């Protein structure tokens, strides 16, 4: 039986100090082609080591206010993914409470 392979490509342009200046990503199956981004977080589970490997990047021109919104939206998305993966409604509600607290403290919700 044939399987389908999907590729996600990340391109990082660095300055002379190896600080990200530009981030672009492509996901052909999602209709994304060389789209610019200002920040990204990638987590990969290492089964052998039983640990998460991470790549967190943002461009030097990413505004702090946008970074706060990016983190908030990432936390909300992680809560939703946690619920989908575990069906643990109680912990999902706790995580969403924290997201609300996070947004309140950063005054993201007016």
PDB file of N, CA and C in Angstrom:
ATOM      1  N   UNK A   1       0.846  -1.186   0.000  1.00  0.00           N
ATOM      2  CA  UNK A   1       0.000   0.000   0.000  1.00  0.00           C
ATOM      3  C   UNK A   1       0.891   1.249   0.000  1.00  0.00           C
ATOM      4  N   UNK A   2       0.583   2.166  -0.861  1.00  0.00           N
ATOM      5  CA  UNK A   2       1.362   3.407  -0.973  1.00  0.00           C
ATOM      6  C   UNK A   2       1.012   4.348   0.175  1.00  0.00           C
ATOM      7  N   UNK A   3       2.018   5.059   0.644  1.00  0.00           N
ATOM      8  CA  UNK A   3       1.787   6.059   1.688  1.00  0.00           C
ATOM      9  C   UNK A   3       2.084   7.433   1.119  1.00  0.00           C
ATOM     10  N   UNK A   4       1.547   8.426   1.752  1.00  0.00           N
ATOM     11  CA  UNK A   4       1.767   9.813   1.344  1.00  0.00           C
ATOM     12  C   UNK A   4       2.800  10.438   2.271  1.00  0.00           C
ATOM     13  N   UNK A   5       3.709  11.179   1.714  1.00  0.00           N
ATOM     14  CA  UNK A   5       4.703  11.903   2.499  1.00  0.00           C
ATOM     15  C   UNK A   5       4.429  13.392   2.367  1.00  0.00           C
ATOM     16  N   UNK A   6       4.432  14.078   3.487  1.00  0.00           N
ATOM     17  CA  UNK A   6       4.218  15.519   3.511  1.00  0.00           C
ATOM     18  C   UNK A   6       5.460  16.179   4.094  1.00  0.00           C
ATOM     19  N   UNK A   7       5.870  17.283   3.518  1.00  0.00           N
ATOM     20  CA  UNK A   7       7.065  17.976   3.970  1.00  0.00           C
ATOM     21  C   UNK A   7       6.711  19.375   4.448  1.00  0.00           C
ATOM     22  N   UNK A   8       7.268  19.751   5.582  1.00  0.00           N
ATOM     23  CA  UNK A   8       7.171  21.109   6.099  1.00  0.00           C
ATOM     24  C   UNK A   8       8.591  21.661   6.105  1.00  0.00           C
ATOM     25  N   UNK A   9       8.775  22.794   5.468  1.00  0.00           N
ATOM     26  CA  UNK A   9      10.113  23.370   5.347  1.00  0.00           C
ATOM     27  C   UNK A   9      10.182  24.695   6.094  1.00  0.00           C
ATOM     28  N   UNK A  10      11.276  24.886   6.839  1.00  0.00           N
ATOM     29  CA  UNK A  10      11.517  26.129   7.566  1.00  0.00           C
ATOM     30  C   UNK A  10      12.817  26.728   7.047  1.00  0.00           C
ATOM     31  N   UNK A  11      12.800  28.021   6.729  1.00  0.00           N
ATOM     32  CA  UNK A  11      14.009  28.720   6.313  1.00  0.00           C
ATOM     33  C   UNK A  11      14.254  29.865   7.296  1.00  0.00           C
ATOM     34  N   UNK A  12      15.481  29.941   7.788  1.00  0.00           N
ATOM     35  CA  UNK A  12      15.863  30.969   8.756  1.00  0.00           C
ATOM     36  C   UNK A  12      17.038  31.750   8.170  1.00  0.00           C
ATOM     37  N   UNK A  13      16.832  33.045   7.963  1.00  0.00           N
ATOM     38  CA  UNK A  13      17.918  33.913   7.522  1.00  0.00           C
ATOM     39  C   UNK A  13      18.499  34.593   8.754  1.00  0.00           C
ATOM     40  N   UNK A  14      19.825  34.464   8.918  1.00  0.00           N
ATOM     41  CA  UNK A  14      20.509  34.980  10.102  1.00  0.00           C
ATOM     42  C   UNK A  14      21.379  36.181   9.741  1.00  0.00           C
ATOM     43  N   UNK A  15      21.556  37.078  10.711  1.00  0.00           N
ATOM     44  CA  UNK A  15      22.493  38.186  10.510  1.00  0.00           C
ATOM     45  C   UNK A  15      23.905  37.712  10.846  1.00  0.00           C
ATOM     46  N   UNK A  16      24.867  38.620  10.832  1.00  0.00           N
ATOM     47  CA  UNK A  16      26.264  38.252  11.083  1.00  0.00           C
ATOM     48  C   UNK A  16      26.488  37.693  12.484  1.00  0.00           C
ATOM     49  N   UNK A  17      25.571  37.997  13.424  1.00  0.00           N
ATOM     50  CA  UNK A  17      25.667  37.471  14.796  1.00  0.00           C
ATOM     51  C   UNK A  17      24.803  36.234  15.002  1.00  0.00           C
ATOM     52  N   UNK A  18      24.296  35.688  13.897  1.00  0.00           N
ATOM     53  CA  UNK A  18      23.455  34.490  13.909  1.00  0.00           C
ATOM     54  C   UNK A  18      22.119  34.710  14.620  1.00  0.00           C
ATOM     55  N   UNK A  19      21.627  35.955  14.549  1.00  0.00           N
ATOM     56  CA  UNK A  19      20.312  36.308  15.081  1.00  0.00           C
ATOM     57  C   UNK A  19      19.321  36.241  13.915  1.00  0.00           C
ATOM     58  N   UNK A  20      18.173  35.583  14.100  1.00  0.00           N
ATOM     59  CA  UNK A  20      17.208  35.494  12.992  1.00  0.00           C
ATOM     60  C   UNK A  20      16.722  36.872  12.526  1.00  0.00           C
ATOM     61  N   UNK A  21      16.827  37.077  11.220  1.00  0.00           N
ATOM     62  CA  UNK A  21      16.297  38.292  10.593  1.00  0.00           C
ATOM     63  C   UNK A  21      15.000  38.008   9.863  1.00  0.00           C
ATOM     64  N   UNK A  22      14.913  36.832   9.257  1.00  0.00           N
ATOM     65  CA  UNK A  22      13.705  36.452   8.521  1.00  0.00           C
ATOM     66  C   UNK A  22      13.425  34.970   8.745  1.00  0.00           C
ATOM     67  N   UNK A  23      12.150  34.660   8.869  1.00  0.00           N
ATOM     68  CA  UNK A  23      11.679  33.277   8.965  1.00  0.00           C
ATOM     69  C   UNK A  23      10.662  33.060   7.852  1.00  0.00           C
ATOM     70  N   UNK A  24      10.772  31.968   7.144  1.00  0.00           N
ATOM     71  CA  UNK A  24       9.794  31.596   6.119  1.00  0.00           C
ATOM     72  C   UNK A  24       9.474  30.121   6.289  1.00  0.00           C
ATOM     73  N   UNK A  25       8.245  29.758   5.951  1.00  0.00           N
ATOM     74  CA  UNK A  25       7.867  28.352   6.041  1.00  0.00           C
ATOM     75  C   UNK A  25       7.004  27.967   4.855  1.00  0.00           C
ATOM     76  N   UNK A  26       7.101  26.689   4.518  1.00  0.00           N
ATOM     77  CA  UNK A  26       6.343  26.118   3.412  1.00  0.00           C
ATOM     78  C   UNK A  26       5.715  24.817   3.888  1.00  0.00           C
ATOM     79  N   UNK A  27       4.444  24.661   3.610  1.00  0.00           N
ATOM     80  CA  UNK A  27       3.716  23.413   3.880  1.00  0.00           C
ATOM     81  C   UNK A  27       2.783  23.199   2.693  1.00  0.00           C
ATOM     82  N   UNK A  28       3.295  22.528   1.675  1.00  0.00           N
ATOM     83  CA  UNK A  28       2.546  22.380   0.428  1.00  0.00           C
ATOM     84  C   UNK A  28       1.154  21.789   0.634  1.00  0.00           C
ATOM     85  N   UNK A  29       1.041  20.789   1.513  1.00  0.00           N
ATOM     86  CA  UNK A  29      -0.274  20.174   1.756  1.00  0.00           C
ATOM     87  C   UNK A  29      -1.258  21.158   2.373  1.00  0.00           C
ATOM     88  N   UNK A  30      -0.757  22.177   3.051  1.00  0.00           N
ATOM     89  CA  UNK A  30      -1.617  23.193   3.653  1.00  0.00           C
ATOM     90  C   UNK A  30      -1.776  24.427   2.784  1.00  0.00           C
ATOM     91  N   UNK A  31      -1.190  24.398   1.593  1.00  0.00           N
ATOM     92  CA  UNK A  31      -1.298  25.537   0.690  1.00  0.00           C
ATOM     93  C   UNK A  31      -0.414  26.716   1.084  1.00  0.00           C
ATOM     94  N   UNK A  32       0.599  26.461   1.899  1.00  0.00           N
ATOM     95  CA  UNK A  32       1.512  27.520   2.346  1.00  0.00           C
ATOM     96  C   UNK A  32       2.790  27.415   1.539  1.00  0.00           C
ATOM     97  N   UNK A  33       3.197  28.519   0.905  1.00  0.00           N
ATOM     98  CA  UNK A  33       4.420  28.517   0.100  1.00  0.00           C
ATOM     99  C   UNK A  33       5.264  29.731   0.476  1.00  0.00           C
ATOM    100  N   UNK A  34       6.400  29.473   1.117  1.00  0.00           N
ATOM    101  CA  UNK A  34       7.379  30.503   1.447  1.00  0.00           C
ATOM    102  C   UNK A  34       6.734  31.705   2.156  1.00  0.00           C
ATOM    103  N   UNK A  35       5.900  31.401   3.149  1.00  0.00           N
ATOM    104  CA  UNK A  35       5.211  32.460   3.894  1.00  0.00           C
ATOM    105  C   UNK A  35       6.115  32.984   5.010  1.00  0.00           C
ATOM    106  N   UNK A  36       6.159  34.312   5.131  1.00  0.00           N
ATOM    107  CA  UNK A  36       6.981  34.920   6.169  1.00  0.00           C
ATOM    108  C   UNK A  36       6.310  34.797   7.529  1.00  0.00           C
ATOM    109  N   UNK A  37       7.129  34.632   8.547  1.00  0.00           N
ATOM    110  CA  UNK A  37       6.666  34.595   9.934  1.00  0.00           C
ATOM    111  C   UNK A  37       7.643  35.420  10.761  1.00  0.00           C
ATOM    112  N   UNK A  38       7.199  35.913  11.895  1.00  0.00           N
ATOM    113  CA  UNK A  38       8.067  36.675  12.789  1.00  0.00           C
ATOM    114  C   UNK A  38       8.535  35.842  13.982  1.00  0.00           C
ATOM    115  N   UNK A  39       7.845  34.730  14.254  1.00  0.00           N
ATOM    116  CA  UNK A  39       8.219  33.872  15.379  1.00  0.00           C
ATOM    117  C   UNK A  39       7.726  32.454  15.101  1.00  0.00           C
ATOM    118  N   UNK A  40       8.397  31.481  15.735  1.00  0.00           N
ATOM    119  CA  UNK A  40       7.967  30.091  15.617  1.00  0.00           C
ATOM    120  C   UNK A  40       8.411  29.316  16.843  1.00  0.00           C
ATOM    121  N   UNK A  41       7.642  28.302  17.177  1.00  0.00           N
ATOM    122  CA  UNK A  41       7.993  27.367  18.233  1.00  0.00           C
ATOM    123  C   UNK A  41       7.723  25.971  17.688  1.00  0.00           C
ATOM    124  N   UNK A  42       8.728  25.124  17.793  1.00  0.00           N
ATOM    125  CA  UNK A  42       8.599  23.754  17.316  1.00  0.00           C
ATOM    126  C   UNK A  42       9.013  22.821  18.436  1.00  0.00           C
ATOM    127  N   UNK A  43       8.155  21.873  18.764  1.00  0.00           N
ATOM    128  CA  UNK A  43       8.457  20.866  19.780  1.00  0.00           C
ATOM    129  C   UNK A  43       8.419  19.496  19.125  1.00  0.00           C
ATOM    130  N   UNK A  44       9.424  18.690  19.444  1.00  0.00           N
ATOM    131  CA  UNK A  44       9.515  17.335  18.905  1.00  0.00           C
ATOM    132  C   UNK A  44       9.753  16.387  20.072  1.00  0.00           C
ATOM    133  N   UNK A  45       9.005  15.292  20.111  1.00  0.00           N
ATOM    134  CA  UNK A  45       9.142  14.314  21.189  1.00  0.00           C
ATOM    135  C   UNK A  45      10.209  13.293  20.823  1.00  0.00           C
ATOM    136  N   UNK A  46      11.230  13.157  21.658  1.00  0.00           N
ATOM    137  CA  UNK A  46      12.281  12.158  21.500  1.00  0.00           C
ATOM    138  C   UNK A  46      11.864  10.932  22.313  1.00  0.00           C
ATOM    139  N   UNK A  47      11.405   9.902  21.625  1.00  0.00           N
ATOM    140  CA  UNK A  47      10.879   8.700  22.275  1.00  0.00           C
ATOM    141  C   UNK A  47      11.940   8.000  23.118  1.00  0.00           C
ATOM    142  N   UNK A  48      13.161   7.897  22.607  1.00  0.00           N
ATOM    143  CA  UNK A  48      14.206   7.185  23.339  1.00  0.00           C
ATOM    144  C   UNK A  48      14.574   7.897  24.631  1.00  0.00           C
ATOM    145  N   UNK A  49      14.785   9.202  24.551  1.00  0.00           N
ATOM    146  CA  UNK A  49      15.193   9.975  25.730  1.00  0.00           C
ATOM    147  C   UNK A  49      14.006  10.379  26.598  1.00  0.00           C
ATOM    148  N   UNK A  50      12.781  10.200  26.081  1.00  0.00           N
ATOM    149  CA  UNK A  50      11.555  10.605  26.788  1.00  0.00           C
ATOM    150  C   UNK A  50      11.622  12.084  27.180  1.00  0.00           C
ATOM    151  N   UNK A  51      11.969  12.912  26.183  1.00  0.00           N
ATOM    152  CA  UNK A  51      12.047  14.342  26.439  1.00  0.00           C
ATOM    153  C   UNK A  51      11.663  15.122  25.191  1.00  0.00           C
ATOM    154  N   UNK A  52      11.296  16.362  25.422  1.00  0.00           N
ATOM    155  CA  UNK A  52      10.910  17.263  24.351  1.00  0.00           C
ATOM    156  C   UNK A  52      12.128  18.039  23.871  1.00  0.00           C
ATOM    157  N   UNK A  53      12.309  18.050  22.571  1.00  0.00           N
ATOM    158  CA  UNK A  53      13.337  18.873  21.935  1.00  0.00           C
ATOM    159  C   UNK A  53      12.629  20.084  21.331  1.00  0.00           C
ATOM    160  N   UNK A  54      13.237  21.256  21.470  1.00  0.00           N
ATOM    161  CA  UNK A  54      12.531  22.465  21.055  1.00  0.00           C
ATOM    162  C   UNK A  54      13.399  23.383  20.213  1.00  0.00           C
ATOM    163  N   UNK A  55      12.743  24.077  19.316  1.00  0.00           N
ATOM    164  CA  UNK A  55      13.342  25.188  18.580  1.00  0.00           C
ATOM    165  C   UNK A  55      12.395  26.363  18.741  1.00  0.00           C
ATOM    166  N   UNK A  56      12.859  27.414  19.382  1.00  0.00           N
ATOM    167  CA  UNK A  56      12.084  28.646  19.539  1.00  0.00           C
ATOM    168  C   UNK A  56      12.873  29.760  18.870  1.00  0.00           C
ATOM    169  N   UNK A  57      12.286  30.383  17.865  1.00  0.00           N
ATOM    170  CA  UNK A  57      12.955  31.456  17.136  1.00  0.00           C
ATOM    171  C   UNK A  57      12.009  32.628  16.944  1.00  0.00           C
ATOM    172  N   UNK A  58      12.573  33.819  16.956  1.00  0.00           N
ATOM    173  CA  UNK A  58      11.818  35.011  16.582  1.00  0.00           C
ATOM    174  C   UNK A  58      12.791  35.993  15.965  1.00  0.00           C
ATOM    175  N   UNK A  59      12.264  36.788  15.057  1.00  0.00           N
ATOM    176  CA  UNK A  59      13.120  37.759  14.385  1.00  0.00           C
ATOM    177  C   UNK A  59      13.382  38.933  15.315  1.00  0.00           C
ATOM    178  N   UNK A  60      14.495  39.606  15.056  1.00  0.00           N
ATOM    179  CA  UNK A  60      14.874  40.711  15.942  1.00  0.00           C
ATOM    180  C   UNK A  60      13.922  41.889  15.837  1.00  0.00           C
ATOM    181  N   UNK A  61      13.082  41.908  14.798  1.00  0.00           N
ATOM    182  CA  UNK A  61      12.107  43.010  14.687  1.00  0.00           C
ATOM    183  C   UNK A  61      10.705  42.607  15.162  1.00  0.00           C
ATOM    184  N   UNK A  62      10.605  41.462  15.833  1.00  0.00           N
ATOM    185  CA  UNK A  62       9.309  41.038  16.393  1.00  0.00           C
ATOM    186  C   UNK A  62       8.982  41.943  17.576  1.00  0.00           C
ATOM    187  N   UNK A  63       7.889  42.719  17.496  1.00  0.00           N
ATOM    188  CA  UNK A  63       7.532  43.607  18.609  1.00  0.00           C
ATOM    189  C   UNK A  63       7.147  42.815  19.856  1.00  0.00           C
ATOM    190  N   UNK A  64       7.516  43.340  21.012  1.00  0.00           N
ATOM    191  CA  UNK A  64       7.232  42.675  22.283  1.00  0.00           C
ATOM    192  C   UNK A  64       5.726  42.477  22.468  1.00  0.00           C
ATOM    193  N   UNK A  65       4.924  43.462  22.113  1.00  0.00           N
ATOM    194  CA  UNK A  65       3.470  43.311  22.248  1.00  0.00           C
ATOM    195  C   UNK A  65       2.956  42.137  21.414  1.00  0.00           C
ATOM    196  N   UNK A  66       3.489  41.976  20.206  1.00  0.00           N
ATOM    197  CA  UNK A  66       3.090  40.839  19.371  1.00  0.00           C
ATOM    198  C   UNK A  66       3.576  39.526  19.967  1.00  0.00           C
ATOM    199  N   UNK A  67       4.759  39.553  20.591  1.00  0.00           N
ATOM    200  CA  UNK A  67       5.295  38.339  21.220  1.00  0.00           C
ATOM    201  C   UNK A  67       4.377  37.892  22.355  1.00  0.00           C
ATOM    202  N   UNK A  68       3.850  38.831  23.118  1.00  0.00           N
ATOM    203  CA  UNK A  68       2.920  38.488  24.203  1.00  0.00           C
ATOM    204  C   UNK A  68       1.663  37.837  23.654  1.00  0.00           C
ATOM    205  N   UNK A  69       1.131  38.353  22.560  1.00  0.00           N
ATOM    206  CA  UNK A  69      -0.060  37.757  21.930  1.00  0.00           C
ATOM    207  C   UNK A  69       0.280  36.381  21.367  1.00  0.00           C
ATOM    208  N   UNK A  70       1.457  36.266  20.755  1.00  0.00           N
ATOM    209  CA  UNK A  70       1.916  34.985  20.211  1.00  0.00           C
ATOM    210  C   UNK A  70       1.974  33.922  21.310  1.00  0.00           C
ATOM    211  N   UNK A  71       2.547  34.266  22.451  1.00  0.00           N
ATOM    212  CA  UNK A  71       2.612  33.319  23.564  1.00  0.00           C
ATOM    213  C   UNK A  71       1.214  32.967  24.056  1.00  0.00           C
ATOM    214  N   UNK A  72       0.349  33.954  24.212  1.00  0.00           N
ATOM    215  CA  UNK A  72      -1.019  33.696  24.667  1.00  0.00           C
ATOM    216  C   UNK A  72      -1.730  32.731  23.709  1.00  0.00           C
ATOM    217  N   UNK A  73      -1.670  33.040  22.408  1.00  0.00           N
ATOM    218  CA  UNK A  73      -2.362  32.187  21.437  1.00  0.00           C
ATOM    219  C   UNK A  73      -1.755  30.788  21.396  1.00  0.00           C
ATOM    220  N   UNK A  74      -0.441  30.688  21.600  1.00  0.00           N
ATOM    221  CA  UNK A  74       0.216  29.380  21.643  1.00  0.00           C
ATOM    222  C   UNK A  74      -0.254  28.583  22.858  1.00  0.00           C
ATOM    223  N   UNK A  75      -0.378  29.248  24.003  1.00  0.00           N
ATOM    224  CA  UNK A  75      -0.868  28.562  25.208  1.00  0.00           C
ATOM    225  C   UNK A  75      -2.304  28.058  25.006  1.00  0.00           C
ATOM    226  N   UNK A  76      -3.154  28.873  24.392  1.00  0.00           N
ATOM    227  CA  UNK A  76      -4.535  28.454  24.115  1.00  0.00           C
ATOM    228  C   UNK A  76      -4.528  27.253  23.167  1.00  0.00           C
ATOM    229  N   UNK A  77      -3.701  27.319  22.125  1.00  0.00           N
ATOM    230  CA  UNK A  77      -3.626  26.204  21.170  1.00  0.00           C
ATOM    231  C   UNK A  77      -3.112  24.936  21.850  1.00  0.00           C
ATOM    232  N   UNK A  78      -2.146  25.078  22.760  1.00  0.00           N
ATOM    233  CA  UNK A  78      -1.637  23.914  23.491  1.00  0.00           C
ATOM    234  C   UNK A  78      -2.729  23.321  24.374  1.00  0.00           C
ATOM    235  N   UNK A  79      -3.544  24.152  24.983  1.00  0.00           N
ATOM    236  CA  UNK A  79      -4.667  23.658  25.792  1.00  0.00           C
ATOM    237  C   UNK A  79      -5.622  22.846  24.929  1.00  0.00           C
ATOM    238  N   UNK A  80      -5.931  23.374  23.751  1.00  0.00           N
ATOM    239  CA  UNK A  80      -6.834  22.666  22.840  1.00  0.00           C
ATOM    240  C   UNK A  80      -6.224  21.349  22.370  1.00  0.00           C
ATOM    241  N   UNK A  81      -4.935  21.366  22.051  1.00  0.00           N
ATOM    242  CA  UNK A  81      -4.259  20.137  21.615  1.00  0.00           C
ATOM    243  C   UNK A  81      -4.192  19.118  22.745  1.00  0.00           C
ATOM    244  N   UNK A  82      -3.930  19.600  23.962  1.00  0.00           N
ATOM    245  CA  UNK A  82      -3.890  18.711  25.123  1.00  0.00           C
ATOM    246  C   UNK A  82      -5.236  18.002  25.282  1.00  0.00           C
ATOM    247  N   UNK A  83      -6.313  18.758  25.160  1.00  0.00           N
ATOM    248  CA  UNK A  83      -7.648  18.175  25.291  1.00  0.00           C
ATOM    249  C   UNK A  83      -7.904  17.150  24.190  1.00  0.00           C
ATOM    250  N   UNK A  84      -7.544  17.491  22.969  1.00  0.00           N
ATOM    251  CA  UNK A  84      -7.756  16.577  21.846  1.00  0.00           C
ATOM    252  C   UNK A  84      -6.953  15.282  22.028  1.00  0.00           C
ATOM    253  N   UNK A  85      -5.723  15.422  22.542  1.00  0.00           N
ATOM    254  CA  UNK A  85      -4.841  14.264  22.691  1.00  0.00           C
ATOM    255  C   UNK A  85      -5.185  13.393  23.888  1.00  0.00           C
ATOM    256  N   UNK A  86      -5.718  13.994  24.969  1.00  0.00           N
ATOM    257  CA  UNK A  86      -5.912  13.253  26.221  1.00  0.00           C
ATOM    258  C   UNK A  86      -7.363  13.110  26.663  1.00  0.00           C
ATOM    259  N   UNK A  87      -8.237  13.959  26.161  1.00  0.00           N
ATOM    260  CA  UNK A  87      -9.631  14.041  26.612  1.00  0.00           C
ATOM    261  C   UNK A  87      -9.722  14.302  28.123  1.00  0.00           C
ATOM    262  N   UNK A  88      -8.709  14.931  28.678  1.00  0.00           N
ATOM    263  CA  UNK A  88      -8.691  15.265  30.111  1.00  0.00           C
ATOM    264  C   UNK A  88      -9.329  16.643  30.287  1.00  0.00           C
ATOM    265  N   UNK A  89     -10.659  16.622  30.457  1.00  0.00           N
ATOM    266  CA  UNK A  89     -11.430  17.868  30.523  1.00  0.00           C
ATOM    267  C   UNK A  89     -11.053  18.728  31.731  1.00  0.00           C
ATOM    268  N   UNK A  90     -10.790  18.075  32.855  1.00  0.00           N
ATOM    269  CA  UNK A  90     -10.486  18.812  34.081  1.00  0.00           C
ATOM    270  C   UNK A  90      -9.177  19.602  33.946  1.00  0.00           C
ATOM    271  N   UNK A  91      -8.131  18.956  33.459  1.00  0.00           N
ATOM    272  CA  UNK A  91      -6.852  19.651  33.293  1.00  0.00           C
ATOM    273  C   UNK A  91      -6.941  20.680  32.173  1.00  0.00           C
ATOM    274  N   UNK A  92      -7.697  20.386  31.130  1.00  0.00           N
ATOM    275  CA  UNK A  92      -7.887  21.361  30.050  1.00  0.00           C
ATOM    276  C   UNK A  92      -8.526  22.628  30.603  1.00  0.00           C
ATOM    277  N   UNK A  93      -9.524  22.477  31.453  1.00  0.00           N
ATOM    278  CA  UNK A  93     -10.178  23.652  32.055  1.00  0.00           C
ATOM    279  C   UNK A  93      -9.178  24.441  32.901  1.00  0.00           C
ATOM    280  N   UNK A  94      -8.321  23.742  33.633  1.00  0.00           N
ATOM    281  CA  UNK A  94      -7.292  24.404  34.440  1.00  0.00           C
ATOM    282  C   UNK A  94      -6.322  25.163  33.546  1.00  0.00           C
ATOM    283  N   UNK A  95      -5.927  24.548  32.443  1.00  0.00           N
ATOM    284  CA  UNK A  95      -5.019  25.206  31.506  1.00  0.00           C
ATOM    285  C   UNK A  95      -5.678  26.446  30.904  1.00  0.00           C
ATOM    286  N   UNK A  96      -6.953  26.348  30.563  1.00  0.00           N
ATOM    287  CA  UNK A  96      -7.665  27.504  29.987  1.00  0.00           C
ATOM    288  C   UNK A  96      -7.830  28.613  31.023  1.00  0.00           C
ATOM    289  N   UNK A  97      -8.009  28.240  32.282  1.00  0.00           N
ATOM    290  CA  UNK A  97      -8.047  29.251  33.348  1.00  0.00           C
ATOM    291  C   UNK A  97      -6.720  30.006  33.402  1.00  0.00           C
ATOM    292  N   UNK A  98      -5.618  29.267  33.281  1.00  0.00           N
ATOM    293  CA  UNK A  98      -4.317  29.925  33.272  1.00  0.00           C
ATOM    294  C   UNK A  98      -4.180  30.852  32.067  1.00  0.00           C
ATOM    295  N   UNK A  99      -4.663  30.407  30.916  1.00  0.00           N
ATOM    296  CA  UNK A  99      -4.609  31.256  29.712  1.00  0.00           C
ATOM    297  C   UNK A  99      -5.366  32.565  29.943  1.00  0.00           C
ATOM    298  N   UNK A 100      -6.534  32.476  30.567  1.00  0.00           N
ATOM    299  CA  UNK A 100      -7.303  33.681  30.887  1.00  0.00           C
ATOM    300  C   UNK A 100      -6.527  34.582  31.844  1.00  0.00           C
ATOM    301  N   UNK A 101      -5.903  33.984  32.854  1.00  0.00           N
ATOM    302  CA  UNK A 101      -5.090  34.723  33.824  1.00  0.00           C
ATOM    303  C   UNK A 101      -3.919  35.407  33.124  1.00  0.00           C
ATOM    304  N   UNK A 102      -3.237  34.667  32.246  1.00  0.00           N
ATOM    305  CA  UNK A 102      -2.101  35.176  31.475  1.00  0.00           C
ATOM    306  C   UNK A 102      -2.531  36.406  30.665  1.00  0.00           C
ATOM    307  N   UNK A 103      -3.650  36.283  29.948  1.00  0.00           N
ATOM    308  CA  UNK A 103      -4.162  37.387  29.125  1.00  0.00           C
ATOM    309  C   UNK A 103      -4.555  38.585  29.981  1.00  0.00           C
ATOM    310  N   UNK A 104      -5.157  38.312  31.126  1.00  0.00           N
ATOM    311  CA  UNK A 104      -5.563  39.399  32.041  1.00  0.00           C
ATOM    312  C   UNK A 104      -4.337  40.152  32.555  1.00  0.00           C
ATOM    313  N   UNK A 105      -3.329  39.424  33.021  1.00  0.00           N
ATOM    314  CA  UNK A 105      -2.132  40.048  33.581  1.00  0.00           C
ATOM    315  C   UNK A 105      -1.367  40.860  32.538  1.00  0.00           C
ATOM    316  N   UNK A 106      -1.396  40.411  31.288  1.00  0.00           N
ATOM    317  CA  UNK A 106      -0.720  41.146  30.218  1.00  0.00           C
ATOM    318  C   UNK A 106      -1.629  42.163  29.550  1.00  0.00           C
ATOM    319  N   UNK A 107      -2.873  42.250  30.052  1.00  0.00           N
ATOM    320  CA  UNK A 107      -3.880  43.191  29.520  1.00  0.00           C
ATOM    321  C   UNK A 107      -4.079  42.986  28.008  1.00  0.00           C
ATOM    322  N   UNK A 108      -4.191  41.714  27.623  1.00  0.00           N
ATOM    323  CA  UNK A 108      -4.413  41.387  26.217  1.00  0.00           C
ATOM    324  C   UNK A 108      -5.883  41.450  25.832  1.00  0.00           C
ATOM    325  N   UNK A 109      -6.753  41.265  26.820  1.00  0.00           N
ATOM    326  CA  UNK A 109      -8.192  41.317  26.565  1.00  0.00           C
ATOM    327  C   UNK A 109      -8.719  42.617  27.138  1.00  0.00           C
ATOM    328  N   UNK A 110      -9.219  43.423  26.272  1.00  0.00           N
ATOM    329  CA  UNK A 110      -9.726  44.732  26.724  1.00  0.00           C
ATOM    330  C   UNK A 110     -11.236  44.689  26.896  1.00  0.00           C
TER     331      UNK A 110
END
